[in-house]
Amino acid sequence: MPAFIEECRYEWKRLGVPDAMADEMATELEADLAEAEADGISAAEILGESDPRRFAANWASERGLVSVPPPKKSRKGLWIGLAVGLVILLLIALPALALITVSSGSVSTVRAPEPVRSLVIQSFVGLKACHAERIAHEAGLKVRKVPPDRCNAVVVSQRPVQGTLIPYKRRARTTLRLRLRD
């Protein structure tokens, strides 16, 4: 059975068992096998159908000469975590997809409210009629037409009066009336 012992030595060397300890274990194994043969027990009965590498590794770890490899970590926790993450993702994604598909049928736009703007009527009194008319048109007001022959007339009163606040939307409908004096 020297081949079995040689394979055990090779395995101990591979595992990093110190040479002195490997020699001691090989000598002990050889003595045990010789003693068993002397008692009429075959080596196969003692070792069984054992693999020399596995036998050597087990014996070295039982003596504390090599560390036992840590058991493989279970990936059960990883799979549970992935399953929980997938469920959460589906609980978020499905309603979002439903909202997207429902709202994609019609597009509605919300216009921001227009800021409140207004116009304060300025004073046209003392201006020449055509000049007052031009300024009023630039402000977006309607003005009763000043006849061309009265262009040099001076404005003496106006309606609405100076300082009147007119909402922006109504300014185009507001007509400025000027009273003129030659």
C-alpha atoms as a PDB file:
ATOM      1  CA  MET A   1       0.000   0.000   0.000  1.00  0.00           C
ATOM      2  CA  PRO A   2       2.964   2.365  -0.473  1.00  0.00           C
ATOM      3  CA  ALA A   3       1.169   4.048  -3.422  1.00  0.00           C
ATOM      4  CA  PHE A   4      -1.646   5.085  -1.080  1.00  0.00           C
ATOM      5  CA  ILE A   5       0.854   6.587   1.374  1.00  0.00           C
ATOM      6  CA  GLU A   6       2.705   8.408  -1.415  1.00  0.00           C
ATOM      7  CA  GLU A   7      -0.541  10.008  -2.609  1.00  0.00           C
ATOM      8  CA  CYS A   8      -1.283  11.054   0.981  1.00  0.00           C
ATOM      9  CA  ARG A   9       2.189  12.644   1.229  1.00  0.00           C
ATOM     10  CA  TYR A  10       1.571  14.502  -2.028  1.00  0.00           C
ATOM     11  CA  GLU A  11      -1.771  15.826  -0.702  1.00  0.00           C
ATOM     12  CA  TRP A  12      -0.249  16.907   2.622  1.00  0.00           C
ATOM     13  CA  LYS A  13       2.460  18.779   0.752  1.00  0.00           C
ATOM     14  CA  ARG A  14      -0.174  20.435  -1.447  1.00  0.00           C
ATOM     15  CA  LEU A  15      -2.172  21.476   1.650  1.00  0.00           C
ATOM     16  CA  GLY A  16       0.935  22.999   3.250  1.00  0.00           C
ATOM     17  CA  VAL A  17       1.433  20.509   6.068  1.00  0.00           C
ATOM     18  CA  PRO A  18       4.988  20.901   7.445  1.00  0.00           C
ATOM     19  CA  ASP A  19       7.343  18.167   6.188  1.00  0.00           C
ATOM     20  CA  ALA A  20       8.116  16.883   9.685  1.00  0.00           C
ATOM     21  CA  MET A  21       4.422  16.413  10.444  1.00  0.00           C
ATOM     22  CA  ALA A  22       3.787  14.816   7.033  1.00  0.00           C
ATOM     23  CA  ASP A  23       6.640  12.335   7.653  1.00  0.00           C
ATOM     24  CA  GLU A  24       5.263  11.572  11.098  1.00  0.00           C
ATOM     25  CA  MET A  25       1.752  10.964   9.756  1.00  0.00           C
ATOM     26  CA  ALA A  26       3.082   8.811   6.893  1.00  0.00           C
ATOM     27  CA  THR A  27       5.107   6.716   9.351  1.00  0.00           C
ATOM     28  CA  GLU A  28       2.086   6.357  11.625  1.00  0.00           C
ATOM     29  CA  LEU A  29      -0.154   5.357   8.694  1.00  0.00           C
ATOM     30  CA  GLU A  30       2.441   2.835   7.484  1.00  0.00           C
ATOM     31  CA  ALA A  31       2.699   1.358  10.993  1.00  0.00           C
ATOM     32  CA  ASP A  32      -1.095   1.108  11.337  1.00  0.00           C
ATOM     33  CA  LEU A  33      -1.385  -0.650   7.981  1.00  0.00           C
ATOM     34  CA  ALA A  34       1.481  -3.070   8.836  1.00  0.00           C
ATOM     35  CA  GLU A  35      -0.105  -3.837  12.226  1.00  0.00           C
ATOM     36  CA  ALA A  36      -3.458  -4.501  10.600  1.00  0.00           C
ATOM     37  CA  GLU A  37      -1.852  -6.848   8.088  1.00  0.00           C
ATOM     38  CA  ALA A  38      -0.108  -8.701  10.906  1.00  0.00           C
ATOM     39  CA  ASP A  39      -3.489  -9.185  12.587  1.00  0.00           C
ATOM     40  CA  GLY A  40      -4.849 -10.556   9.318  1.00  0.00           C
ATOM     41  CA  ILE A  41      -6.906  -7.470   8.359  1.00  0.00           C
ATOM     42  CA  SER A  42      -6.426  -6.177   4.858  1.00  0.00           C
ATOM     43  CA  ALA A  43      -5.574  -2.526   4.205  1.00  0.00           C
ATOM     44  CA  ALA A  44      -8.737  -2.184   2.115  1.00  0.00           C
ATOM     45  CA  GLU A  45     -10.835  -3.120   5.157  1.00  0.00           C
ATOM     46  CA  ILE A  46      -9.174  -0.399   7.262  1.00  0.00           C
ATOM     47  CA  LEU A  47      -9.207   2.322   4.614  1.00  0.00           C
ATOM     48  CA  GLY A  48     -12.320   1.185   2.835  1.00  0.00           C
ATOM     49  CA  GLU A  49     -12.832   2.467  -0.668  1.00  0.00           C
ATOM     50  CA  SER A  50     -11.252   5.728   0.440  1.00  0.00           C
ATOM     51  CA  ASP A  51      -9.756   8.322  -1.872  1.00  0.00           C
ATOM     52  CA  PRO A  52      -6.174   8.998  -0.683  1.00  0.00           C
ATOM     53  CA  ARG A  53      -6.523  12.762  -1.195  1.00  0.00           C
ATOM     54  CA  ARG A  54      -9.722  13.001   0.817  1.00  0.00           C
ATOM     55  CA  PHE A  55      -8.297  10.684   3.496  1.00  0.00           C
ATOM     56  CA  ALA A  56      -5.137  12.825   3.816  1.00  0.00           C
ATOM     57  CA  ALA A  57      -7.082  16.091   3.903  1.00  0.00           C
ATOM     58  CA  ASN A  58      -9.461  14.817   6.602  1.00  0.00           C
ATOM     59  CA  TRP A  59      -6.628  13.476   8.729  1.00  0.00           C
ATOM     60  CA  ALA A  60      -4.634  16.740   8.470  1.00  0.00           C
ATOM     61  CA  SER A  61      -7.666  18.859   9.371  1.00  0.00           C
ATOM     62  CA  GLU A  62      -8.531  16.583  12.345  1.00  0.00           C
ATOM     63  CA  ARG A  63      -5.041  17.180  13.707  1.00  0.00           C
ATOM     64  CA  GLY A  64      -5.456  20.937  13.172  1.00  0.00           C
ATOM     65  CA  LEU A  65      -2.670  21.174  10.621  1.00  0.00           C
ATOM     66  CA  VAL A  66      -4.821  22.741   7.925  1.00  0.00           C
ATOM     67  CA  SER A  67      -7.811  24.937   8.265  1.00  0.00           C
ATOM     68  CA  VAL A  68     -11.116  23.536   7.228  1.00  0.00           C
ATOM     69  CA  PRO A  69     -12.415  25.483   4.275  1.00  0.00           C
ATOM     70  CA  PRO A  70     -15.407  27.570   5.319  1.00  0.00           C
ATOM     71  CA  PRO A  71     -18.705  26.177   4.152  1.00  0.00           C
ATOM     72  CA  LYS A  72     -20.090  27.818   1.065  1.00  0.00           C
ATOM     73  CA  LYS A  73     -22.306  30.726   1.870  1.00  0.00           C
ATOM     74  CA  SER A  74     -25.894  30.225   1.069  1.00  0.00           C
ATOM     75  CA  ARG A  75     -27.231  32.497  -1.603  1.00  0.00           C
ATOM     76  CA  LYS A  76     -30.698  32.172  -0.201  1.00  0.00           C
ATOM     77  CA  GLY A  77     -30.567  35.702   1.258  1.00  0.00           C
ATOM     78  CA  LEU A  78     -29.425  37.102  -2.075  1.00  0.00           C
ATOM     79  CA  TRP A  79     -32.328  35.500  -3.908  1.00  0.00           C
ATOM     80  CA  ILE A  80     -34.822  36.666  -1.286  1.00  0.00           C
ATOM     81  CA  GLY A  81     -33.443  40.211  -1.568  1.00  0.00           C
ATOM     82  CA  LEU A  82     -33.683  40.139  -5.348  1.00  0.00           C
ATOM     83  CA  ALA A  83     -37.253  38.828  -5.199  1.00  0.00           C
ATOM     84  CA  VAL A  84     -38.309  41.541  -2.723  1.00  0.00           C
ATOM     85  CA  GLY A  85     -36.620  44.210  -4.861  1.00  0.00           C
ATOM     86  CA  LEU A  86     -38.394  42.943  -7.970  1.00  0.00           C
ATOM     87  CA  VAL A  87     -41.770  42.974  -6.217  1.00  0.00           C
ATOM     88  CA  ILE A  88     -41.208  46.547  -5.005  1.00  0.00           C
ATOM     89  CA  LEU A  89     -40.103  47.597  -8.474  1.00  0.00           C
ATOM     90  CA  LEU A  90     -43.244  46.083  -9.975  1.00  0.00           C
ATOM     91  CA  LEU A  91     -45.437  47.787  -7.385  1.00  0.00           C
ATOM     92  CA  ILE A  92     -43.930  51.126  -8.397  1.00  0.00           C
ATOM     93  CA  ALA A  93     -43.510  50.534 -12.126  1.00  0.00           C
ATOM     94  CA  LEU A  94     -46.954  49.117 -12.935  1.00  0.00           C
ATOM     95  CA  PRO A  95     -48.953  52.077 -11.590  1.00  0.00           C
ATOM     96  CA  ALA A  96     -46.492  54.447 -13.260  1.00  0.00           C
ATOM     97  CA  LEU A  97     -46.938  52.659 -16.581  1.00  0.00           C
ATOM     98  CA  ALA A  98     -50.693  52.753 -16.131  1.00  0.00           C
ATOM     99  CA  LEU A  99     -50.590  56.494 -15.530  1.00  0.00           C
ATOM    100  CA  ILE A 100     -48.364  57.024 -18.537  1.00  0.00           C
ATOM    101  CA  THR A 101     -50.583  55.021 -20.868  1.00  0.00           C
ATOM    102  CA  VAL A 102     -53.785  56.612 -19.549  1.00  0.00           C
ATOM    103  CA  SER A 103     -52.452  60.128 -19.800  1.00  0.00           C
ATOM    104  CA  SER A 104     -50.791  59.579 -23.167  1.00  0.00           C
ATOM    105  CA  GLY A 105     -54.198  59.489 -24.881  1.00  0.00           C
ATOM    106  CA  SER A 106     -54.831  63.155 -24.350  1.00  0.00           C
ATOM    107  CA  VAL A 107     -52.435  65.928 -23.732  1.00  0.00           C
ATOM    108  CA  SER A 108     -53.697  68.743 -21.606  1.00  0.00           C
ATOM    109  CA  THR A 109     -51.791  71.896 -21.085  1.00  0.00           C
ATOM    110  CA  VAL A 110     -52.392  74.207 -18.227  1.00  0.00           C
ATOM    111  CA  ARG A 111     -51.711  77.802 -19.021  1.00  0.00           C
ATOM    112  CA  ALA A 112     -50.290  79.855 -16.276  1.00  0.00           C
ATOM    113  CA  PRO A 113     -52.616  82.639 -15.284  1.00  0.00           C
ATOM    114  CA  GLU A 114     -51.779  85.854 -17.003  1.00  0.00           C
ATOM    115  CA  PRO A 115     -50.376  88.389 -14.612  1.00  0.00           C
ATOM    116  CA  VAL A 116     -52.746  91.160 -13.727  1.00  0.00           C
ATOM    117  CA  ARG A 117     -51.698  94.190 -15.698  1.00  0.00           C
ATOM    118  CA  SER A 118     -53.393  97.488 -15.888  1.00  0.00           C
ATOM    119  CA  LEU A 119     -52.930 100.880 -17.431  1.00  0.00           C
ATOM    120  CA  VAL A 120     -53.078 104.152 -15.572  1.00  0.00           C
ATOM    121  CA  ILE A 121     -54.461 106.937 -17.757  1.00  0.00           C
ATOM    122  CA  GLN A 122     -51.994 109.747 -18.030  1.00  0.00           C
ATOM    123  CA  SER A 123     -52.841 113.383 -18.420  1.00  0.00           C
ATOM    124  CA  PHE A 124     -53.321 114.617 -21.970  1.00  0.00           C
ATOM    125  CA  VAL A 125     -54.463 118.094 -20.864  1.00  0.00           C
ATOM    126  CA  GLY A 126     -52.249 120.814 -22.330  1.00  0.00           C
ATOM    127  CA  LEU A 127     -50.989 118.697 -25.255  1.00  0.00           C
ATOM    128  CA  LYS A 128     -51.805 119.386 -28.891  1.00  0.00           C
ATOM    129  CA  ALA A 129     -54.661 117.160 -30.116  1.00  0.00           C
ATOM    130  CA  CYS A 130     -52.724 115.084 -32.727  1.00  0.00           C
ATOM    131  CA  HIS A 131     -49.825 114.525 -30.311  1.00  0.00           C
ATOM    132  CA  ALA A 132     -52.244 113.388 -27.547  1.00  0.00           C
ATOM    133  CA  GLU A 133     -54.003 111.068 -30.038  1.00  0.00           C
ATOM    134  CA  ARG A 134     -50.679 109.427 -31.070  1.00  0.00           C
ATOM    135  CA  ILE A 135     -49.614 108.839 -27.432  1.00  0.00           C
ATOM    136  CA  ALA A 136     -53.022 107.328 -26.597  1.00  0.00           C
ATOM    137  CA  HIS A 137     -52.826 104.964 -29.612  1.00  0.00           C
ATOM    138  CA  GLU A 138     -49.335 103.809 -28.536  1.00  0.00           C
ATOM    139  CA  ALA A 139     -50.748 103.000 -25.067  1.00  0.00           C
ATOM    140  CA  GLY A 140     -53.435 100.857 -26.732  1.00  0.00           C
ATOM    141  CA  LEU A 141     -56.360 103.225 -26.178  1.00  0.00           C
ATOM    142  CA  LYS A 142     -58.993 104.158 -28.697  1.00  0.00           C
ATOM    143  CA  VAL A 143     -59.353 107.871 -29.289  1.00  0.00           C
ATOM    144  CA  ARG A 144     -62.183 109.739 -30.892  1.00  0.00           C
ATOM    145  CA  LYS A 145     -60.783 110.858 -34.167  1.00  0.00           C
ATOM    146  CA  VAL A 146     -59.350 114.362 -34.150  1.00  0.00           C
ATOM    147  CA  PRO A 147     -60.177 116.163 -37.425  1.00  0.00           C
ATOM    148  CA  PRO A 148     -57.014 117.144 -39.335  1.00  0.00           C
ATOM    149  CA  ASP A 149     -57.941 120.835 -39.208  1.00  0.00           C
ATOM    150  CA  ARG A 150     -57.992 120.651 -35.362  1.00  0.00           C
ATOM    151  CA  CYS A 151     -54.543 119.046 -35.003  1.00  0.00           C
ATOM    152  CA  ASN A 152     -53.068 122.168 -33.384  1.00  0.00           C
ATOM    153  CA  ALA A 153     -55.944 122.508 -30.894  1.00  0.00           C
ATOM    154  CA  VAL A 154     -55.022 122.091 -27.211  1.00  0.00           C
ATOM    155  CA  VAL A 155     -56.652 119.429 -25.004  1.00  0.00           C
ATOM    156  CA  VAL A 156     -58.543 121.084 -22.128  1.00  0.00           C
ATOM    157  CA  SER A 157     -60.219 118.000 -20.565  1.00  0.00           C
ATOM    158  CA  GLN A 158     -60.348 114.240 -20.974  1.00  0.00           C
ATOM    159  CA  ARG A 159     -62.462 111.206 -20.109  1.00  0.00           C
ATOM    160  CA  PRO A 160     -61.496 108.971 -18.367  1.00  0.00           C
ATOM    161  CA  VAL A 161     -59.620 111.401 -16.172  1.00  0.00           C
ATOM    162  CA  GLN A 162     -55.929 111.258 -15.327  1.00  0.00           C
ATOM    163  CA  GLY A 163     -55.007 108.452 -12.830  1.00  0.00           C
ATOM    164  CA  THR A 164     -57.899 106.144 -13.769  1.00  0.00           C
ATOM    165  CA  LEU A 165     -56.809 102.489 -13.549  1.00  0.00           C
ATOM    166  CA  ILE A 166     -57.961 100.427 -16.529  1.00  0.00           C
ATOM    167  CA  PRO A 167     -57.480  96.618 -16.541  1.00  0.00           C
ATOM    168  CA  TYR A 168     -55.196  95.453 -19.354  1.00  0.00           C
ATOM    169  CA  LYS A 169     -57.939  93.475 -21.111  1.00  0.00           C
ATOM    170  CA  ARG A 170     -60.313  96.448 -21.153  1.00  0.00           C
ATOM    171  CA  ARG A 171     -57.839  99.023 -22.426  1.00  0.00           C
ATOM    172  CA  ALA A 172     -58.606  98.282 -26.103  1.00  0.00           C
ATOM    173  CA  ARG A 173     -62.301  98.981 -25.449  1.00  0.00           C
ATOM    174  CA  THR A 174     -61.712 102.209 -23.556  1.00  0.00           C
ATOM    175  CA  THR A 175     -62.252 105.274 -25.693  1.00  0.00           C
ATOM    176  CA  LEU A 176     -60.422 108.439 -24.727  1.00  0.00           C
ATOM    177  CA  ARG A 177     -62.536 111.567 -25.253  1.00  0.00           C
ATOM    178  CA  LEU A 178     -60.650 114.791 -25.590  1.00  0.00           C
ATOM    179  CA  ARG A 179     -62.166 118.252 -25.394  1.00  0.00           C
ATOM    180  CA  LEU A 180     -60.263 120.724 -27.469  1.00  0.00           C
ATOM    181  CA  ARG A 181     -59.863 124.471 -27.537  1.00  0.00           C
ATOM    182  CA  ASP A 182     -58.403 126.396 -30.436  1.00  0.00           C
END
